[in-house]
Amino acid sequence: MPEPSPDQTPEISPTTSATTGEVPAFGWSGYAERVNGRFAMVGFIAVLLIEALSGETFLRWAGLVP
């Protein structure tokens, strides 16, 4: 297969997300807010699991409240 010459290099364009048609971006974008919300939901469920399995509140389990 012939190598492309330097003036024929393909342009690299941003690809869309696997779940949406949006291009991932930094800052206050819809994509970033959706990802942050999903991480917040995972964290909240993790706190609920810690409280359910340990029998203590999260703050007491983490040592923040005596």
Protein backbone atom coordinates (compact mmCIF):
# COMPACT_ATOMS: atom_id res chain seq x y z
CA MET A 1 0.00 0.00 0.00
CA PRO A 2 1.54 3.36 -0.94
CA GLU A 3 2.47 5.79 1.84
CA PRO A 4 0.59 9.12 1.77
CA SER A 5 2.75 12.07 0.88
CA PRO A 6 3.15 14.85 3.49
CA ASP A 7 0.63 17.07 1.71
CA GLN A 8 -1.97 14.26 1.73
CA THR A 9 -2.01 13.50 5.45
CA PRO A 10 -5.55 12.92 6.70
CA GLU A 11 -7.05 15.48 9.02
CA ILE A 12 -7.79 14.29 12.53
CA SER A 13 -11.23 15.45 13.60
CA PRO A 14 -12.72 15.04 17.06
CA THR A 15 -14.90 11.99 17.40
CA THR A 16 -18.24 11.91 19.08
CA SER A 17 -18.99 10.14 22.31
CA ALA A 18 -20.00 6.49 22.28
CA THR A 19 -23.36 7.32 23.91
CA THR A 20 -24.24 10.68 22.37
CA GLY A 21 -23.63 12.65 19.22
CA GLU A 22 -21.77 15.32 21.18
CA VAL A 23 -18.04 15.90 20.92
CA PRO A 24 -16.34 15.57 24.35
CA ALA A 25 -15.17 19.00 25.49
CA PHE A 26 -13.61 20.66 28.52
CA GLY A 27 -15.44 23.24 30.59
CA TRP A 28 -19.16 23.81 30.95
CA SER A 29 -20.45 21.56 28.21
CA GLY A 30 -23.42 19.24 28.20
CA TYR A 31 -21.13 16.24 27.85
CA ALA A 32 -19.00 17.23 30.88
CA GLU A 33 -22.09 17.87 33.00
CA ARG A 34 -23.54 14.47 32.08
CA VAL A 35 -20.31 12.68 33.04
CA ASN A 36 -20.04 14.62 36.32
CA GLY A 37 -23.63 13.73 37.15
CA ARG A 38 -22.98 10.05 36.53
CA PHE A 39 -19.91 10.09 38.78
CA ALA A 40 -21.95 11.85 41.48
CA MET A 41 -24.61 9.13 41.28
CA VAL A 42 -21.98 6.39 41.62
CA GLY A 43 -20.47 8.19 44.62
CA PHE A 44 -23.85 8.58 46.29
CA ILE A 45 -24.62 4.88 45.85
CA ALA A 46 -21.17 4.03 47.26
CA VAL A 47 -21.90 6.10 50.39
CA LEU A 48 -25.25 4.35 50.82
CA LEU A 49 -23.56 0.95 50.50
CA ILE A 50 -20.90 1.88 53.05
CA GLU A 51 -23.59 2.94 55.51
CA ALA A 52 -25.66 -0.19 54.90
CA LEU A 53 -22.74 -2.62 55.20
CA SER A 54 -20.94 -1.01 58.14
CA GLY A 55 -24.00 -0.04 60.18
CA GLU A 56 -22.56 3.42 60.85
CA THR A 57 -23.06 6.79 59.23
CA PHE A 58 -20.56 7.73 56.54
CA LEU A 59 -19.15 10.61 58.56
CA ARG A 60 -18.53 8.34 61.58
CA TRP A 61 -17.09 5.61 59.32
CA ALA A 62 -14.73 8.12 57.70
CA GLY A 63 -13.64 9.40 61.12
CA LEU A 64 -14.95 12.91 60.59
CA VAL A 65 -17.42 12.75 63.50
CA PRO A 66 -16.41 11.23 66.87
